[in-house]
Amino acid sequence: MKMLNGRELAEFIQERQGHAVRGLRQQWNIAPKLAIVVTVDNPVINVYMRLKQRYGNDIQIEVDVHRVEQVEVPSLIDQLNTDNSVHGIIVQLPLADPSQTDQIVDLVSPTKDVDALGANATYDPATPMAILWLLAGYNVDLAGKKIILVGRGKLVGAPLERILLTSGFDVSVVTRSTPELKAVVKEADIIITATGSPAVLDASMIKQGAVVVDAGVASEDGKTVGDLAPDVYERDDLTLTPQKGGVGPLTVCALFENVIRAARAAADATEPKD
């Protein structure tokens, strides 16, 4: 079995990003800043936010957390959109009232929408970017391979399908309701799953020698688990993500990559034109 270890790649990316941020600070006098807007107090979300703050601190990107009532969010986003010291804005999901999600994420300026949740987002979403980095980092060639995405969610499946199709790859999307699901998935050379449904894929559904990327996150018996059944990890012919440290560490890297790009775009916008 070959593991796709995201933590190892993340260390190299973090070092490169730290160098890029130092360049922005020294050459353009720009200190990249990320603003996170939060409307709920949730232990899991708080852990993720601390992770982002720690990562930002490591590469010298300031991360401000704004805890507000949902009714205050539109005016706060408007303020952050016009604040030149803020380069990226994240609306932390879920919101206290999830029914307003699309309406609120669309308020974030596309130039600062580093989570790429808005309808007019210009950046690539973090998790699809992380998955592609992971595959490229381990020299997994997508050309000529049959790729199947399990799930077409807004955060992973749908944007990743769009990116892969645009790049000319052979990609199909399946869901639990797909007829003959097991037979369809078993044809795939590369499987990328992000359903958040524990054990949605078991070993009998995966062909010999396949590459499997698990980007699903769910909670089961108080533990965080992915989409793969335990028997998948008993196979020694697969190339797959570990139960921890696969896509996750690179997702944080990809988010901050967008913050750095946004800060660099701000630097370019302030450069005098000839």
Protein backbone atom coordinates (compact mmCIF):
# COMPACT_ATOMS: atom_id res chain seq x y z
CA MET A 1 0.00 0.00 0.00
CA LYS A 2 1.24 3.47 -0.90
CA MET A 3 0.04 6.35 1.25
CA LEU A 4 -0.70 9.84 -0.05
CA ASN A 5 0.65 11.74 2.94
CA GLY A 6 -0.63 15.32 2.91
CA ARG A 7 1.34 16.34 6.00
CA GLU A 8 4.68 15.80 4.27
CA LEU A 9 3.68 17.95 1.29
CA ALA A 10 2.18 20.59 3.59
CA GLU A 11 5.56 21.18 5.23
CA PHE A 12 7.14 22.08 1.87
CA ILE A 13 4.20 24.29 0.87
CA GLN A 14 4.22 26.09 4.22
CA GLU A 15 7.91 26.89 3.82
CA ARG A 16 7.30 28.28 0.31
CA GLN A 17 4.34 30.33 1.51
CA GLY A 18 6.35 31.79 4.40
CA HIS A 19 8.95 32.94 1.90
CA ALA A 20 6.23 34.51 -0.29
CA VAL A 21 4.74 36.40 2.67
CA ARG A 22 8.15 37.74 3.68
CA GLY A 23 8.55 39.02 0.14
CA LEU A 24 5.18 40.80 0.29
CA ARG A 25 6.09 42.40 3.60
CA GLN A 26 9.59 43.47 2.58
CA GLN A 27 9.12 44.48 -1.06
CA TRP A 28 5.57 45.87 -1.05
CA ASN A 29 5.04 46.66 2.64
CA ILE A 30 1.89 44.51 2.55
CA ALA A 31 0.98 42.42 5.61
CA PRO A 32 -1.54 39.79 4.42
CA LYS A 33 -4.60 39.50 6.62
CA LEU A 34 -7.47 37.01 6.75
CA ALA A 35 -10.80 37.82 8.42
CA ILE A 36 -13.05 34.97 9.63
CA VAL A 37 -16.72 35.79 10.31
CA VAL A 38 -18.38 33.40 12.80
CA THR A 39 -21.99 33.26 14.00
CA VAL A 40 -22.00 30.03 16.05
CA ASP A 41 -20.05 28.72 19.03
CA ASN A 42 -19.18 25.16 18.10
CA PRO A 43 -16.25 23.15 19.55
CA VAL A 44 -15.35 21.55 16.19
CA ILE A 45 -15.43 24.89 14.37
CA ASN A 46 -13.37 26.46 17.14
CA VAL A 47 -10.67 23.80 16.63
CA TYR A 48 -10.56 24.50 12.88
CA MET A 49 -10.31 28.24 13.49
CA ARG A 50 -7.46 27.81 15.96
CA LEU A 51 -5.73 25.65 13.35
CA LYS A 52 -6.07 28.44 10.79
CA GLN A 53 -4.83 31.03 13.27
CA ARG A 54 -1.81 28.89 14.13
CA TYR A 55 -0.98 28.26 10.48
CA GLY A 56 -1.36 31.95 9.68
CA ASN A 57 0.92 32.85 12.57
CA ASP A 58 3.55 30.40 11.30
CA ILE A 59 3.73 32.10 7.89
CA GLN A 60 3.16 35.67 9.20
CA ILE A 61 -0.42 36.10 8.02
CA GLU A 62 -2.66 37.80 10.57
CA VAL A 63 -5.96 35.99 11.18
CA ASP A 64 -8.77 38.02 12.78
CA VAL A 65 -11.84 36.20 14.09
CA HIS A 66 -15.05 38.27 14.19
CA ARG A 67 -17.75 36.65 16.37
CA VAL A 68 -21.07 38.36 15.65
CA GLU A 69 -24.80 37.75 15.56
CA GLN A 70 -25.98 36.76 12.09
CA VAL A 71 -28.01 39.95 11.74
CA GLU A 72 -24.73 41.91 11.96
CA VAL A 73 -22.95 39.91 9.24
CA PRO A 74 -23.96 41.94 6.14
CA SER A 75 -22.69 45.23 7.58
CA LEU A 76 -19.51 43.56 8.85
CA ILE A 77 -18.78 42.03 5.44
CA ASP A 78 -19.39 45.41 3.80
CA GLN A 79 -16.87 46.95 6.19
CA LEU A 80 -14.30 44.19 5.54
CA ASN A 81 -14.80 44.46 1.76
CA THR A 82 -13.69 48.10 1.86
CA ASP A 83 -10.88 47.62 4.39
CA ASN A 84 -7.64 47.65 2.37
CA SER A 85 -5.74 45.94 5.19
CA VAL A 86 -7.94 42.81 4.81
CA HIS A 87 -7.08 40.58 1.85
CA GLY A 88 -9.24 37.52 2.48
CA ILE A 89 -12.66 36.98 4.06
CA ILE A 90 -14.15 33.67 5.19
CA VAL A 91 -17.74 33.22 6.32
CA GLN A 92 -17.39 30.24 8.66
CA LEU A 93 -20.09 27.66 7.98
CA PRO A 94 -22.54 26.59 9.20
CA LEU A 95 -24.25 29.87 9.98
CA ALA A 96 -26.65 30.15 12.90
CA ASP A 97 -29.41 30.30 10.27
CA PRO A 98 -28.13 28.16 7.36
CA SER A 99 -31.05 29.18 5.12
CA GLN A 100 -29.23 32.47 4.46
CA THR A 101 -25.93 30.84 3.46
CA ASP A 102 -25.96 31.61 -0.29
CA GLN A 103 -27.20 35.13 0.26
CA ILE A 104 -24.47 35.90 2.81
CA VAL A 105 -21.46 34.30 1.07
CA ASP A 106 -22.37 36.24 -2.07
CA LEU A 107 -21.83 39.48 -0.12
CA VAL A 108 -18.07 38.82 0.05
CA SER A 109 -16.15 40.68 -2.65
CA PRO A 110 -14.88 38.17 -5.28
CA THR A 111 -11.38 39.65 -4.85
CA LYS A 112 -11.45 38.63 -1.16
CA ASP A 113 -13.52 35.42 -1.41
CA VAL A 114 -10.64 33.08 -0.56
CA ASP A 115 -13.05 30.22 0.30
CA ALA A 116 -14.54 30.56 -3.20
CA LEU A 117 -18.09 30.08 -1.92
CA GLY A 118 -19.68 33.07 -3.66
CA ALA A 119 -21.39 32.84 -7.04
CA ASN A 120 -18.76 35.11 -8.62
CA ALA A 121 -15.69 33.60 -6.91
CA THR A 122 -12.43 34.00 -8.83
CA TYR A 123 -10.26 31.65 -6.73
CA ASP A 124 -10.30 27.85 -6.70
CA PRO A 125 -11.93 26.30 -3.60
CA ALA A 126 -9.41 25.03 -1.06
CA THR A 127 -10.33 21.32 -0.85
CA PRO A 128 -10.35 20.63 -4.62
CA MET A 129 -7.03 22.50 -4.88
CA ALA A 130 -5.64 20.41 -2.01
CA ILE A 131 -6.72 17.16 -3.71
CA LEU A 132 -5.01 18.14 -6.97
CA TRP A 133 -1.84 19.17 -5.08
CA LEU A 134 -1.83 15.83 -3.28
CA LEU A 135 -2.12 13.84 -6.51
CA ALA A 136 0.51 15.95 -8.28
CA GLY A 137 2.84 15.75 -5.27
CA TYR A 138 2.86 11.96 -5.52
CA ASN A 139 3.10 11.95 -9.34
CA VAL A 140 -0.37 10.49 -9.89
CA ASP A 141 -0.99 11.12 -13.60
CA LEU A 142 -4.67 11.82 -14.36
CA ALA A 143 -4.30 11.71 -18.16
CA GLY A 144 -5.97 8.69 -19.73
CA LYS A 145 -7.39 7.52 -16.38
CA LYS A 146 -11.04 6.97 -15.50
CA ILE A 147 -11.77 9.29 -12.57
CA ILE A 148 -14.88 8.93 -10.44
CA LEU A 149 -16.02 11.51 -7.90
CA VAL A 150 -18.33 10.20 -5.20
CA GLY A 151 -20.62 13.09 -4.26
CA ARG A 152 -21.33 16.43 -5.93
CA GLY A 153 -21.30 18.73 -2.91
CA LYS A 154 -20.87 22.49 -3.17
CA LEU A 155 -17.49 22.51 -1.41
CA VAL A 156 -15.70 19.60 -3.09
CA GLY A 157 -17.46 17.45 -5.68
CA ALA A 158 -19.07 20.12 -7.87
CA PRO A 159 -16.06 22.47 -8.14
CA LEU A 160 -13.61 19.57 -8.56
CA GLU A 161 -15.75 18.11 -11.37
CA ARG A 162 -15.69 21.50 -13.11
CA ILE A 163 -11.90 21.86 -12.76
CA LEU A 164 -11.21 18.33 -14.05
CA LEU A 165 -13.62 18.64 -16.98
CA THR A 166 -12.11 21.99 -17.94
CA SER A 167 -8.68 20.32 -17.93
CA GLY A 168 -9.96 17.64 -20.33
CA PHE A 169 -9.91 14.65 -17.98
CA ASP A 170 -12.31 11.68 -18.06
CA VAL A 171 -14.39 12.31 -14.94
CA SER A 172 -17.81 11.08 -13.80
CA VAL A 173 -19.80 11.82 -10.65
CA VAL A 174 -21.78 9.20 -8.73
CA THR A 175 -24.03 9.40 -5.68
CA ARG A 176 -25.75 6.86 -3.43
CA SER A 177 -28.69 6.84 -5.86
CA THR A 178 -26.56 5.98 -8.93
CA PRO A 179 -27.81 2.68 -10.45
CA GLU A 180 -25.33 -0.19 -10.10
CA LEU A 181 -23.16 2.05 -7.92
CA LYS A 182 -20.71 -0.70 -6.94
CA ALA A 183 -20.08 -1.79 -10.55
CA VAL A 184 -19.66 1.80 -11.75
CA VAL A 185 -17.17 2.71 -9.02
CA LYS A 186 -15.20 -0.48 -9.61
CA GLU A 187 -14.33 0.71 -13.13
CA ALA A 188 -12.43 3.74 -11.78
CA ASP A 189 -8.65 4.06 -11.87
CA ILE A 190 -8.90 7.04 -9.50
CA ILE A 191 -11.66 7.51 -6.90
CA ILE A 192 -12.14 10.79 -5.04
CA THR A 193 -14.85 10.67 -2.39
CA ALA A 194 -16.28 13.55 -0.34
CA THR A 195 -19.74 12.57 0.86
CA GLY A 196 -19.32 12.80 4.63
CA SER A 197 -21.04 9.38 4.87
CA PRO A 198 -18.98 6.90 6.93
CA ALA A 199 -18.02 3.68 5.10
CA VAL A 200 -19.81 4.66 1.88
CA LEU A 201 -16.96 2.91 0.02
CA ASP A 202 -15.78 -0.57 0.98
CA ALA A 203 -12.95 -2.72 -0.35
CA SER A 204 -15.20 -4.72 -2.71
CA MET A 205 -16.03 -1.55 -4.68
CA ILE A 206 -12.43 -0.70 -5.61
CA LYS A 207 -10.51 -2.19 -8.52
CA GLN A 208 -7.01 -3.66 -8.21
CA GLY A 209 -4.29 -1.01 -8.03
CA ALA A 210 -6.63 2.00 -7.87
CA VAL A 211 -5.82 5.39 -6.36
CA VAL A 212 -8.28 6.45 -3.65
CA VAL A 213 -8.54 9.95 -2.14
CA ASP A 214 -10.86 10.30 0.85
CA ALA A 215 -11.89 13.93 1.38
CA GLY A 216 -15.01 13.09 3.38
CA VAL A 217 -15.40 14.26 6.97
CA ALA A 218 -18.07 12.88 9.31
CA SER A 219 -18.53 12.22 12.99
CA GLU A 220 -19.18 8.69 14.22
CA ASP A 221 -19.24 7.67 17.89
CA GLY A 222 -17.56 10.94 18.80
CA LYS A 223 -14.68 10.39 16.38
CA THR A 224 -13.93 12.10 13.06
CA VAL A 225 -14.02 9.58 10.22
CA GLY A 226 -13.88 9.63 6.43
CA ASP A 227 -15.85 7.92 3.67
CA LEU A 228 -13.79 4.70 3.50
CA ALA A 229 -14.71 1.51 5.32
CA PRO A 230 -11.96 0.01 7.52
CA ASP A 231 -11.47 -2.94 5.15
CA VAL A 232 -10.12 -0.60 2.46
CA TYR A 233 -7.01 -0.08 4.59
CA GLU A 234 -6.42 -3.84 4.70
CA ARG A 235 -5.66 -3.92 0.96
CA ASP A 236 -1.98 -3.66 0.02
CA ASP A 237 -2.47 -2.99 -3.71
CA LEU A 238 -3.99 0.51 -3.37
CA THR A 239 -2.57 4.02 -3.31
CA LEU A 240 -4.69 5.95 -0.84
CA THR A 241 -4.92 8.73 1.72
CA PRO A 242 -4.25 7.83 5.36
CA GLN A 243 -7.08 7.95 7.89
CA LYS A 244 -5.56 11.19 9.19
CA GLY A 245 -3.22 13.62 7.46
CA GLY A 246 -4.32 13.16 3.87
CA VAL A 247 -6.27 16.00 2.26
CA GLY A 248 -6.89 17.99 5.48
CA PRO A 249 -3.44 19.53 6.02
CA LEU A 250 -3.26 20.61 2.37
CA THR A 251 -6.72 22.23 2.55
CA VAL A 252 -5.41 24.73 5.09
CA CYS A 253 -2.38 25.36 2.83
CA ALA A 254 -4.66 25.93 -0.17
CA LEU A 255 -6.81 28.41 1.73
CA PHE A 256 -3.76 30.47 2.67
CA GLU A 257 -2.48 30.19 -0.91
CA ASN A 258 -5.59 32.14 -1.93
CA VAL A 259 -4.95 34.73 0.80
CA ILE A 260 -1.40 35.21 -0.51
CA ARG A 261 -2.71 35.53 -4.08
CA ALA A 262 -5.25 38.12 -2.95
CA ALA A 263 -2.53 40.09 -1.14
CA ARG A 264 -0.28 39.88 -4.18
CA ALA A 265 -3.14 41.15 -6.37
CA ALA A 266 -3.55 44.07 -3.97
CA ALA A 267 0.19 44.76 -4.26
CA ASP A 268 0.00 44.70 -8.06
CA ALA A 269 -2.96 47.10 -7.95
CA THR A 270 -0.93 49.65 -5.98
CA GLU A 271 2.11 49.51 -8.27
CA PRO A 272 2.54 52.67 -10.35
CA LYS A 273 1.80 52.07 -14.03
CA ASP A 274 4.17 53.31 -16.72
